[in-house]
Amino acid sequence: MAMVHFNKQTFDAQVTHGTGLALVDFFATWCGPCTMFAPVLEQLASEVEGKALVGKVDIDAEPEIANAHDIQAYPTLLLFRDGKEIRRFVGIQPKQVLLRVLEEA
């Protein structure tokens, strides 16, 4: 179950009211950098499975979630711990940076 694709219900259940770490990618299907970054996130999700939840929110399909978190650029990654945002990344990030941040969190 490596990568999770969130909708409003699953985001609320697994991120907002969840426990532990969750890294969420806010993306758009028409966004070139988002498409290029997708395989990196898939690899990351497999590597941290059991330690952190890694998922995606399609901002066109779920604008309410994006608006609630003031997402204005794509891709934007939010790191949550126990439902609270603790870190924000705008743009593509190297996998090693994300792995280090997850380990430190």
PDB file of N, CA and C in Angstrom:
ATOM      1  N   MET A   1       0.824  -1.198   0.000  1.00  0.00           N
ATOM      2  CA  MET A   1       0.000   0.000   0.000  1.00  0.00           C
ATOM      3  C   MET A   1       0.866   1.259   0.000  1.00  0.00           C
ATOM      4  N   ALA A   2       1.901   1.332  -0.673  1.00  0.00           N
ATOM      5  CA  ALA A   2       2.862   2.416  -0.544  1.00  0.00           C
ATOM      6  C   ALA A   2       2.231   3.805  -0.647  1.00  0.00           C
ATOM      7  N   MET A   3       1.811   4.221  -1.831  1.00  0.00           N
ATOM      8  CA  MET A   3       1.288   5.576  -2.044  1.00  0.00           C
ATOM      9  C   MET A   3      -0.225   5.597  -1.850  1.00  0.00           C
ATOM     10  N   VAL A   4      -0.699   6.595  -1.111  1.00  0.00           N
ATOM     11  CA  VAL A   4      -2.126   6.768  -0.862  1.00  0.00           C
ATOM     12  C   VAL A   4      -2.609   7.968  -1.676  1.00  0.00           C
ATOM     13  N   HIS A   5      -3.751   7.825  -2.332  1.00  0.00           N
ATOM     14  CA  HIS A   5      -4.373   8.947  -3.044  1.00  0.00           C
ATOM     15  C   HIS A   5      -5.559   9.402  -2.193  1.00  0.00           C
ATOM     16  N   PHE A   6      -5.423  10.591  -1.614  1.00  0.00           N
ATOM     17  CA  PHE A   6      -6.405  11.067  -0.653  1.00  0.00           C
ATOM     18  C   PHE A   6      -7.599  11.746  -1.308  1.00  0.00           C
ATOM     19  N   ASN A   7      -8.762  11.527  -0.704  1.00  0.00           N
ATOM     20  CA  ASN A   7      -9.936  12.355  -0.943  1.00  0.00           C
ATOM     21  C   ASN A   7     -10.258  12.999   0.409  1.00  0.00           C
ATOM     22  N   LYS A   8     -11.323  13.750   0.485  1.00  0.00           N
ATOM     23  CA  LYS A   8     -11.652  14.475   1.729  1.00  0.00           C
ATOM     24  C   LYS A   8     -11.766  13.538   2.932  1.00  0.00           C
ATOM     25  N   GLN A   9     -12.477  12.417   2.746  1.00  0.00           N
ATOM     26  CA  GLN A   9     -12.694  11.493   3.862  1.00  0.00           C
ATOM     27  C   GLN A   9     -11.393  10.823   4.304  1.00  0.00           C
ATOM     28  N   THR A  10     -10.607  10.330   3.348  1.00  0.00           N
ATOM     29  CA  THR A  10      -9.385   9.634   3.736  1.00  0.00           C
ATOM     30  C   THR A  10      -8.338  10.602   4.273  1.00  0.00           C
ATOM     31  N   PHE A  11      -8.306  11.824   3.747  1.00  0.00           N
ATOM     32  CA  PHE A  11      -7.371  12.826   4.271  1.00  0.00           C
ATOM     33  C   PHE A  11      -7.703  13.138   5.720  1.00  0.00           C
ATOM     34  N   ASP A  12      -8.980  13.371   5.994  1.00  0.00           N
ATOM     35  CA  ASP A  12      -9.384  13.661   7.374  1.00  0.00           C
ATOM     36  C   ASP A  12      -9.048  12.500   8.303  1.00  0.00           C
ATOM     37  N   ALA A  13      -9.360  11.290   7.874  1.00  0.00           N
ATOM     38  CA  ALA A  13      -9.146  10.118   8.728  1.00  0.00           C
ATOM     39  C   ALA A  13      -7.665   9.807   8.933  1.00  0.00           C
ATOM     40  N   GLN A  14      -6.874   9.865   7.866  1.00  0.00           N
ATOM     41  CA  GLN A  14      -5.492   9.405   7.948  1.00  0.00           C
ATOM     42  C   GLN A  14      -4.472  10.509   8.227  1.00  0.00           C
ATOM     43  N   VAL A  15      -4.806  11.749   7.920  1.00  0.00           N
ATOM     44  CA  VAL A  15      -3.849  12.839   8.130  1.00  0.00           C
ATOM     45  C   VAL A  15      -4.322  13.762   9.249  1.00  0.00           C
ATOM     46  N   THR A  16      -5.464  14.417   9.041  1.00  0.00           N
ATOM     47  CA  THR A  16      -5.949  15.392  10.028  1.00  0.00           C
ATOM     48  C   THR A  16      -6.165  14.762  11.401  1.00  0.00           C
ATOM     49  N   HIS A  17      -6.750  13.575  11.432  1.00  0.00           N
ATOM     50  CA  HIS A  17      -7.020  12.897  12.703  1.00  0.00           C
ATOM     51  C   HIS A  17      -6.101  11.702  12.911  1.00  0.00           C
ATOM     52  N   GLY A  18      -5.079  11.588  12.081  1.00  0.00           N
ATOM     53  CA  GLY A  18      -4.167  10.450  12.164  1.00  0.00           C
ATOM     54  C   GLY A  18      -3.085  10.670  13.193  1.00  0.00           C
ATOM     55  N   THR A  19      -2.325   9.616  13.424  1.00  0.00           N
ATOM     56  CA  THR A  19      -1.174   9.694  14.321  1.00  0.00           C
ATOM     57  C   THR A  19       0.077   9.345  13.521  1.00  0.00           C
ATOM     58  N   GLY A  20       1.205   9.836  13.984  1.00  0.00           N
ATOM     59  CA  GLY A  20       2.454   9.571  13.299  1.00  0.00           C
ATOM     60  C   GLY A  20       2.720  10.590  12.211  1.00  0.00           C
ATOM     61  N   LEU A  21       3.640  10.232  11.309  1.00  0.00           N
ATOM     62  CA  LEU A  21       4.069  11.134  10.244  1.00  0.00           C
ATOM     63  C   LEU A  21       3.307  10.866   8.954  1.00  0.00           C
ATOM     64  N   ALA A  22       2.962  11.943   8.272  1.00  0.00           N
ATOM     65  CA  ALA A  22       2.333  11.849   6.950  1.00  0.00           C
ATOM     66  C   ALA A  22       2.936  12.931   6.063  1.00  0.00           C
ATOM     67  N   LEU A  23       3.449  12.521   4.912  1.00  0.00           N
ATOM     68  CA  LEU A  23       3.975  13.440   3.917  1.00  0.00           C
ATOM     69  C   LEU A  23       2.975  13.467   2.770  1.00  0.00           C
ATOM     70  N   VAL A  24       2.427  14.648   2.486  1.00  0.00           N
ATOM     71  CA  VAL A  24       1.363  14.773   1.493  1.00  0.00           C
ATOM     72  C   VAL A  24       1.814  15.686   0.362  1.00  0.00           C
ATOM     73  N   ASP A  25       1.703  15.169  -0.853  1.00  0.00           N
ATOM     74  CA  ASP A  25       2.040  15.904  -2.074  1.00  0.00           C
ATOM     75  C   ASP A  25       0.762  16.487  -2.656  1.00  0.00           C
ATOM     76  N   PHE A  26       0.693  17.808  -2.754  1.00  0.00           N
ATOM     77  CA  PHE A  26      -0.423  18.478  -3.416  1.00  0.00           C
ATOM     78  C   PHE A  26       0.024  18.726  -4.848  1.00  0.00           C
ATOM     79  N   PHE A  27      -0.683  18.120  -5.810  1.00  0.00           N
ATOM     80  CA  PHE A  27      -0.243  18.135  -7.199  1.00  0.00           C
ATOM     81  C   PHE A  27      -1.420  18.382  -8.136  1.00  0.00           C
ATOM     82  N   ALA A  28      -1.086  18.612  -9.399  1.00  0.00           N
ATOM     83  CA  ALA A  28      -2.092  18.727 -10.454  1.00  0.00           C
ATOM     84  C   ALA A  28      -1.656  17.843 -11.615  1.00  0.00           C
ATOM     85  N   THR A  29      -2.612  17.205 -12.268  1.00  0.00           N
ATOM     86  CA  THR A  29      -2.277  16.308 -13.381  1.00  0.00           C
ATOM     87  C   THR A  29      -1.678  17.060 -14.558  1.00  0.00           C
ATOM     88  N   TRP A  30      -1.990  18.341 -14.695  1.00  0.00           N
ATOM     89  CA  TRP A  30      -1.487  19.153 -15.798  1.00  0.00           C
ATOM     90  C   TRP A  30      -0.131  19.795 -15.493  1.00  0.00           C
ATOM     91  N   CYS A  31       0.391  19.564 -14.320  1.00  0.00           N
ATOM     92  CA  CYS A  31       1.650  20.166 -13.854  1.00  0.00           C
ATOM     93  C   CYS A  31       2.831  19.285 -14.262  1.00  0.00           C
ATOM     94  N   GLY A  32       3.685  19.799 -15.155  1.00  0.00           N
ATOM     95  CA  GLY A  32       4.842  19.046 -15.617  1.00  0.00           C
ATOM     96  C   GLY A  32       5.784  18.620 -14.505  1.00  0.00           C
ATOM     97  N   PRO A  33       6.216  19.543 -13.628  1.00  0.00           N
ATOM     98  CA  PRO A  33       7.094  19.141 -12.528  1.00  0.00           C
ATOM     99  C   PRO A  33       6.451  18.094 -11.614  1.00  0.00           C
ATOM    100  N   CYS A  34       5.146  18.187 -11.414  1.00  0.00           N
ATOM    101  CA  CYS A  34       4.443  17.199 -10.578  1.00  0.00           C
ATOM    102  C   CYS A  34       4.568  15.806 -11.188  1.00  0.00           C
ATOM    103  N   THR A  35       4.397  15.725 -12.508  1.00  0.00           N
ATOM    104  CA  THR A  35       4.490  14.451 -13.209  1.00  0.00           C
ATOM    105  C   THR A  35       5.900  13.890 -13.119  1.00  0.00           C
ATOM    106  N   MET A  36       6.892  14.753 -13.261  1.00  0.00           N
ATOM    107  CA  MET A  36       8.286  14.312 -13.166  1.00  0.00           C
ATOM    108  C   MET A  36       8.632  13.836 -11.755  1.00  0.00           C
ATOM    109  N   PHE A  37       8.014  14.426 -10.752  1.00  0.00           N
ATOM    110  CA  PHE A  37       8.306  14.125  -9.346  1.00  0.00           C
ATOM    111  C   PHE A  37       7.593  12.864  -8.860  1.00  0.00           C
ATOM    112  N   ALA A  38       6.531  12.439  -9.531  1.00  0.00           N
ATOM    113  CA  ALA A  38       5.719  11.306  -9.082  1.00  0.00           C
ATOM    114  C   ALA A  38       6.529  10.029  -8.836  1.00  0.00           C
ATOM    115  N   PRO A  39       7.430   9.615  -9.733  1.00  0.00           N
ATOM    116  CA  PRO A  39       8.194   8.390  -9.470  1.00  0.00           C
ATOM    117  C   PRO A  39       9.083   8.481  -8.225  1.00  0.00           C
ATOM    118  N   VAL A  40       9.601   9.662  -7.948  1.00  0.00           N
ATOM    119  CA  VAL A  40      10.423   9.856  -6.748  1.00  0.00           C
ATOM    120  C   VAL A  40       9.577   9.614  -5.503  1.00  0.00           C
ATOM    121  N   LEU A  41       8.355  10.151  -5.504  1.00  0.00           N
ATOM    122  CA  LEU A  41       7.467   9.945  -4.357  1.00  0.00           C
ATOM    123  C   LEU A  41       7.057   8.491  -4.208  1.00  0.00           C
ATOM    124  N   GLU A  42       6.845   7.811  -5.319  1.00  0.00           N
ATOM    125  CA  GLU A  42       6.513   6.378  -5.267  1.00  0.00           C
ATOM    126  C   GLU A  42       7.645   5.598  -4.597  1.00  0.00           C
ATOM    127  N   GLN A  43       8.880   5.882  -4.982  1.00  0.00           N
ATOM    128  CA  GLN A  43      10.043   5.224  -4.371  1.00  0.00           C
ATOM    129  C   GLN A  43      10.125   5.552  -2.887  1.00  0.00           C
ATOM    130  N   LEU A  44       9.941   6.821  -2.563  1.00  0.00           N
ATOM    131  CA  LEU A  44       9.996   7.248  -1.168  1.00  0.00           C
ATOM    132  C   LEU A  44       8.935   6.531  -0.346  1.00  0.00           C
ATOM    133  N   ALA A  45       7.721   6.451  -0.877  1.00  0.00           N
ATOM    134  CA  ALA A  45       6.626   5.790  -0.168  1.00  0.00           C
ATOM    135  C   ALA A  45       6.976   4.340   0.140  1.00  0.00           C
ATOM    136  N   SER A  46       7.594   3.646  -0.806  1.00  0.00           N
ATOM    137  CA  SER A  46       7.995   2.253  -0.585  1.00  0.00           C
ATOM    138  C   SER A  46       9.080   2.151   0.476  1.00  0.00           C
ATOM    139  N   GLU A  47      10.018   3.080   0.451  1.00  0.00           N
ATOM    140  CA  GLU A  47      11.143   3.034   1.390  1.00  0.00           C
ATOM    141  C   GLU A  47      10.746   3.338   2.824  1.00  0.00           C
ATOM    142  N   VAL A  48       9.729   4.164   3.028  1.00  0.00           N
ATOM    143  CA  VAL A  48       9.358   4.552   4.399  1.00  0.00           C
ATOM    144  C   VAL A  48       8.072   3.867   4.868  1.00  0.00           C
ATOM    145  N   GLU A  49       7.571   2.923   4.090  1.00  0.00           N
ATOM    146  CA  GLU A  49       6.337   2.229   4.471  1.00  0.00           C
ATOM    147  C   GLU A  49       6.493   1.630   5.866  1.00  0.00           C
ATOM    148  N   GLY A  50       5.496   1.839   6.699  1.00  0.00           N
ATOM    149  CA  GLY A  50       5.542   1.375   8.075  1.00  0.00           C
ATOM    150  C   GLY A  50       6.111   2.405   9.032  1.00  0.00           C
ATOM    151  N   LYS A  51       6.807   3.410   8.500  1.00  0.00           N
ATOM    152  CA  LYS A  51       7.385   4.469   9.335  1.00  0.00           C
ATOM    153  C   LYS A  51       6.654   5.789   9.151  1.00  0.00           C
ATOM    154  N   ALA A  52       6.185   6.023   7.912  1.00  0.00           N
ATOM    155  CA  ALA A  52       5.474   7.265   7.595  1.00  0.00           C
ATOM    156  C   ALA A  52       4.501   6.979   6.459  1.00  0.00           C
ATOM    157  N   LEU A  53       3.421   7.717   6.460  1.00  0.00           N
ATOM    158  CA  LEU A  53       2.431   7.636   5.396  1.00  0.00           C
ATOM    159  C   LEU A  53       2.809   8.655   4.325  1.00  0.00           C
ATOM    160  N   VAL A  54       2.820   8.222   3.067  1.00  0.00           N
ATOM    161  CA  VAL A  54       3.100   9.127   1.955  1.00  0.00           C
ATOM    162  C   VAL A  54       1.898   9.081   1.029  1.00  0.00           C
ATOM    163  N   GLY A  55       1.361  10.268   0.720  1.00  0.00           N
ATOM    164  CA  GLY A  55       0.178  10.306  -0.122  1.00  0.00           C
ATOM    165  C   GLY A  55       0.107  11.546  -0.981  1.00  0.00           C
ATOM    166  N   LYS A  56      -0.935  11.580  -1.811  1.00  0.00           N
ATOM    167  CA  LYS A  56      -1.103  12.657  -2.781  1.00  0.00           C
ATOM    168  C   LYS A  56      -2.523  13.206  -2.718  1.00  0.00           C
ATOM    169  N   VAL A  57      -2.644  14.495  -2.999  1.00  0.00           N
ATOM    170  CA  VAL A  57      -3.941  15.148  -3.141  1.00  0.00           C
ATOM    171  C   VAL A  57      -3.949  15.848  -4.493  1.00  0.00           C
ATOM    172  N   ASP A  58      -4.865  15.440  -5.364  1.00  0.00           N
ATOM    173  CA  ASP A  58      -5.055  16.102  -6.658  1.00  0.00           C
ATOM    174  C   ASP A  58      -5.843  17.380  -6.390  1.00  0.00           C
ATOM    175  N   ILE A  59      -5.208  18.524  -6.599  1.00  0.00           N
ATOM    176  CA  ILE A  59      -5.830  19.800  -6.228  1.00  0.00           C
ATOM    177  C   ILE A  59      -7.062  20.124  -7.074  1.00  0.00           C
ATOM    178  N   ASP A  60      -7.160  19.554  -8.267  1.00  0.00           N
ATOM    179  CA  ASP A  60      -8.344  19.780  -9.093  1.00  0.00           C
ATOM    180  C   ASP A  60      -9.517  18.927  -8.622  1.00  0.00           C
ATOM    181  N   ALA A  61      -9.229  17.725  -8.154  1.00  0.00           N
ATOM    182  CA  ALA A  61     -10.282  16.829  -7.675  1.00  0.00           C
ATOM    183  C   ALA A  61     -10.699  17.157  -6.239  1.00  0.00           C
ATOM    184  N   GLU A  62      -9.765  17.707  -5.462  1.00  0.00           N
ATOM    185  CA  GLU A  62     -10.012  17.986  -4.034  1.00  0.00           C
ATOM    186  C   GLU A  62      -9.612  19.415  -3.676  1.00  0.00           C
ATOM    187  N   PRO A  63     -10.239  20.420  -4.305  1.00  0.00           N
ATOM    188  CA  PRO A  63      -9.837  21.805  -4.036  1.00  0.00           C
ATOM    189  C   PRO A  63     -10.070  22.233  -2.582  1.00  0.00           C
ATOM    190  N   GLU A  64     -11.029  21.621  -1.923  1.00  0.00           N
ATOM    191  CA  GLU A  64     -11.321  21.986  -0.527  1.00  0.00           C
ATOM    192  C   GLU A  64     -10.118  21.701   0.378  1.00  0.00           C
ATOM    193  N   ILE A  65      -9.460  20.575   0.154  1.00  0.00           N
ATOM    194  CA  ILE A  65      -8.284  20.236   0.963  1.00  0.00           C
ATOM    195  C   ILE A  65      -7.152  21.221   0.659  1.00  0.00           C
ATOM    196  N   ALA A  66      -6.925  21.487  -0.621  1.00  0.00           N
ATOM    197  CA  ALA A  66      -5.862  22.416  -1.014  1.00  0.00           C
ATOM    198  C   ALA A  66      -6.108  23.809  -0.437  1.00  0.00           C
ATOM    199  N   ASN A  67      -7.336  24.283  -0.518  1.00  0.00           N
ATOM    200  CA  ASN A  67      -7.664  25.607   0.020  1.00  0.00           C
ATOM    201  C   ASN A  67      -7.492  25.663   1.530  1.00  0.00           C
ATOM    202  N   ALA A  68      -7.867  24.606   2.215  1.00  0.00           N
ATOM    203  CA  ALA A  68      -7.749  24.569   3.675  1.00  0.00           C
ATOM    204  C   ALA A  68      -6.296  24.663   4.125  1.00  0.00           C
ATOM    205  N   HIS A  69      -5.362  24.261   3.251  1.00  0.00           N
ATOM    206  CA  HIS A  69      -3.944  24.278   3.606  1.00  0.00           C
ATOM    207  C   HIS A  69      -3.158  25.340   2.837  1.00  0.00           C
ATOM    208  N   ASP A  70      -3.899  26.272   2.229  1.00  0.00           N
ATOM    209  CA  ASP A  70      -3.299  27.424   1.548  1.00  0.00           C
ATOM    210  C   ASP A  70      -2.233  27.010   0.531  1.00  0.00           C
ATOM    211  N   ILE A  71      -2.591  26.043  -0.309  1.00  0.00           N
ATOM    212  CA  ILE A  71      -1.683  25.572  -1.352  1.00  0.00           C
ATOM    213  C   ILE A  71      -1.788  26.526  -2.540  1.00  0.00           C
ATOM    214  N   GLN A  72      -0.659  27.125  -2.921  1.00  0.00           N
ATOM    215  CA  GLN A  72      -0.665  28.108  -3.996  1.00  0.00           C
ATOM    216  C   GLN A  72       0.302  27.792  -5.119  1.00  0.00           C
ATOM    217  N   ALA A  73       1.155  26.782  -4.949  1.00  0.00           N
ATOM    218  CA  ALA A  73       2.105  26.375  -5.986  1.00  0.00           C
ATOM    219  C   ALA A  73       2.156  24.851  -6.003  1.00  0.00           C
ATOM    220  N   TYR A  74       2.581  24.312  -7.143  1.00  0.00           N
ATOM    221  CA  TYR A  74       2.562  22.858  -7.298  1.00  0.00           C
ATOM    222  C   TYR A  74       3.887  22.390  -7.872  1.00  0.00           C
ATOM    223  N   PRO A  75       4.445  21.324  -7.374  1.00  0.00           N
ATOM    224  CA  PRO A  75       3.972  20.567  -6.230  1.00  0.00           C
ATOM    225  C   PRO A  75       4.320  21.268  -4.917  1.00  0.00           C
ATOM    226  N   THR A  76       3.491  21.075  -3.921  1.00  0.00           N
ATOM    227  CA  THR A  76       3.773  21.481  -2.549  1.00  0.00           C
ATOM    228  C   THR A  76       3.651  20.234  -1.692  1.00  0.00           C
ATOM    229  N   LEU A  77       4.643  20.031  -0.841  1.00  0.00           N
ATOM    230  CA  LEU A  77       4.643  18.887   0.074  1.00  0.00           C
ATOM    231  C   LEU A  77       4.465  19.405   1.495  1.00  0.00           C
ATOM    232  N   LEU A  78       3.537  18.803   2.218  1.00  0.00           N
ATOM    233  CA  LEU A  78       3.342  19.141   3.624  1.00  0.00           C
ATOM    234  C   LEU A  78       3.674  17.919   4.466  1.00  0.00           C
ATOM    235  N   LEU A  79       4.431  18.129   5.520  1.00  0.00           N
ATOM    236  CA  LEU A  79       4.740  17.066   6.462  1.00  0.00           C
ATOM    237  C   LEU A  79       3.917  17.303   7.724  1.00  0.00           C
ATOM    238  N   PHE A  80       3.154  16.292   8.098  1.00  0.00           N
ATOM    239  CA  PHE A  80       2.303  16.356   9.278  1.00  0.00           C
ATOM    240  C   PHE A  80       2.812  15.377  10.328  1.00  0.00           C
ATOM    241  N   ARG A  81       2.715  15.770  11.588  1.00  0.00           N
ATOM    242  CA  ARG A  81       2.937  14.857  12.709  1.00  0.00           C
ATOM    243  C   ARG A  81       1.695  14.945  13.587  1.00  0.00           C
ATOM    244  N   ASP A  82       1.054  13.818  13.744  1.00  0.00           N
ATOM    245  CA  ASP A  82      -0.165  13.731  14.566  1.00  0.00           C
ATOM    246  C   ASP A  82      -1.194  14.781  14.160  1.00  0.00           C
ATOM    247  N   GLY A  83      -1.365  14.958  12.842  1.00  0.00           N
ATOM    248  CA  GLY A  83      -2.388  15.846  12.318  1.00  0.00           C
ATOM    249  C   GLY A  83      -2.011  17.314  12.215  1.00  0.00           C
ATOM    250  N   LYS A  84      -0.829  17.679  12.665  1.00  0.00           N
ATOM    251  CA  LYS A  84      -0.394  19.079  12.626  1.00  0.00           C
ATOM    252  C   LYS A  84       0.723  19.239  11.595  1.00  0.00           C
ATOM    253  N   GLU A  85       0.619  20.287  10.770  1.00  0.00           N
ATOM    254  CA  GLU A  85       1.672  20.567   9.793  1.00  0.00           C
ATOM    255  C   GLU A  85       2.929  21.015  10.525  1.00  0.00           C
ATOM    256  N   ILE A  86       4.055  20.349  10.226  1.00  0.00           N
ATOM    257  CA  ILE A  86       5.317  20.715  10.864  1.00  0.00           C
ATOM    258  C   ILE A  86       6.369  21.188   9.866  1.00  0.00           C
ATOM    259  N   ARG A  87       6.120  20.959   8.568  1.00  0.00           N
ATOM    260  CA  ARG A  87       7.087  21.373   7.548  1.00  0.00           C
ATOM    261  C   ARG A  87       6.381  21.531   6.216  1.00  0.00           C
ATOM    262  N   ARG A  88       6.881  22.446   5.391  1.00  0.00           N
ATOM    263  CA  ARG A  88       6.294  22.715   4.069  1.00  0.00           C
ATOM    264  C   ARG A  88       7.437  22.875   3.072  1.00  0.00           C
ATOM    265  N   PHE A  89       7.279  22.214   1.929  1.00  0.00           N
ATOM    266  CA  PHE A  89       8.236  22.311   0.827  1.00  0.00           C
ATOM    267  C   PHE A  89       7.470  22.720  -0.415  1.00  0.00           C
ATOM    268  N   VAL A  90       7.946  23.723  -1.121  1.00  0.00           N
ATOM    269  CA  VAL A  90       7.345  24.135  -2.381  1.00  0.00           C
ATOM    270  C   VAL A  90       8.317  23.762  -3.494  1.00  0.00           C
ATOM    271  N   GLY A  91       7.829  23.018  -4.461  1.00  0.00           N
ATOM    272  CA  GLY A  91       8.664  22.570  -5.566  1.00  0.00           C
ATOM    273  C   GLY A  91       9.237  21.190  -5.326  1.00  0.00           C
ATOM    274  N   ILE A  92       9.899  20.692  -6.361  1.00  0.00           N
ATOM    275  CA  ILE A  92      10.494  19.355  -6.313  1.00  0.00           C
ATOM    276  C   ILE A  92      11.635  19.331  -5.300  1.00  0.00           C
ATOM    277  N   GLN A  93      11.675  18.251  -4.513  1.00  0.00           N
ATOM    278  CA  GLN A  93      12.728  18.072  -3.515  1.00  0.00           C
ATOM    279  C   GLN A  93      13.466  16.769  -3.805  1.00  0.00           C
ATOM    280  N   PRO A  94      14.781  16.728  -3.580  1.00  0.00           N
ATOM    281  CA  PRO A  94      15.505  15.469  -3.749  1.00  0.00           C
ATOM    282  C   PRO A  94      15.013  14.431  -2.740  1.00  0.00           C
ATOM    283  N   LYS A  95      14.965  13.200  -3.174  1.00  0.00           N
ATOM    284  CA  LYS A  95      14.496  12.120  -2.296  1.00  0.00           C
ATOM    285  C   LYS A  95      15.322  12.047  -1.016  1.00  0.00           C
ATOM    286  N   GLN A  96      16.645  12.249  -1.118  1.00  0.00           N
ATOM    287  CA  GLN A  96      17.502  12.164   0.065  1.00  0.00           C
ATOM    288  C   GLN A  96      17.144  13.231   1.101  1.00  0.00           C
ATOM    289  N   VAL A  97      16.768  14.411   0.634  1.00  0.00           N
ATOM    290  CA  VAL A  97      16.356  15.475   1.551  1.00  0.00           C
ATOM    291  C   VAL A  97      15.090  15.052   2.290  1.00  0.00           C
ATOM    292  N   LEU A  98      14.132  14.508   1.555  1.00  0.00           N
ATOM    293  CA  LEU A  98      12.876  14.080   2.172  1.00  0.00           C
ATOM    294  C   LEU A  98      13.099  12.923   3.142  1.00  0.00           C
ATOM    295  N   LEU A  99      13.966  11.986   2.776  1.00  0.00           N
ATOM    296  CA  LEU A  99      14.282  10.879   3.693  1.00  0.00           C
ATOM    297  C   LEU A  99      14.890  11.409   4.983  1.00  0.00           C
ATOM    298  N   ARG A 100      15.823  12.353   4.864  1.00  0.00           N
ATOM    299  CA  ARG A 100      16.464  12.926   6.058  1.00  0.00           C
ATOM    300  C   ARG A 100      15.452  13.648   6.942  1.00  0.00           C
ATOM    301  N   VAL A 101      14.575  14.424   6.312  1.00  0.00           N
ATOM    302  CA  VAL A 101      13.558  15.161   7.071  1.00  0.00           C
ATOM    303  C   VAL A 101      12.625  14.184   7.796  1.00  0.00           C
ATOM    304  N   LEU A 102      12.219  13.123   7.119  1.00  0.00           N
ATOM    305  CA  LEU A 102      11.362  12.130   7.766  1.00  0.00           C
ATOM    306  C   LEU A 102      12.067  11.444   8.926  1.00  0.00           C
ATOM    307  N   GLU A 103      13.343  11.134   8.752  1.00  0.00           N
ATOM    308  CA  GLU A 103      14.115  10.505   9.844  1.00  0.00           C
ATOM    309  C   GLU A 103      14.227  11.442  11.036  1.00  0.00           C
ATOM    310  N   GLU A 104      14.456  12.727  10.769  1.00  0.00           N
ATOM    311  CA  GLU A 104      14.614  13.693  11.844  1.00  0.00           C
ATOM    312  C   GLU A 104      13.299  13.982  12.560  1.00  0.00           C
ATOM    313  N   ALA A 105      12.190  13.854  11.849  1.00  0.00           N
ATOM    314  CA  ALA A 105      10.884  14.153  12.446  1.00  0.00           C
ATOM    315  C   ALA A 105      10.467  13.013  13.366  1.00  0.00           C
TER     316      ALA A 105
END
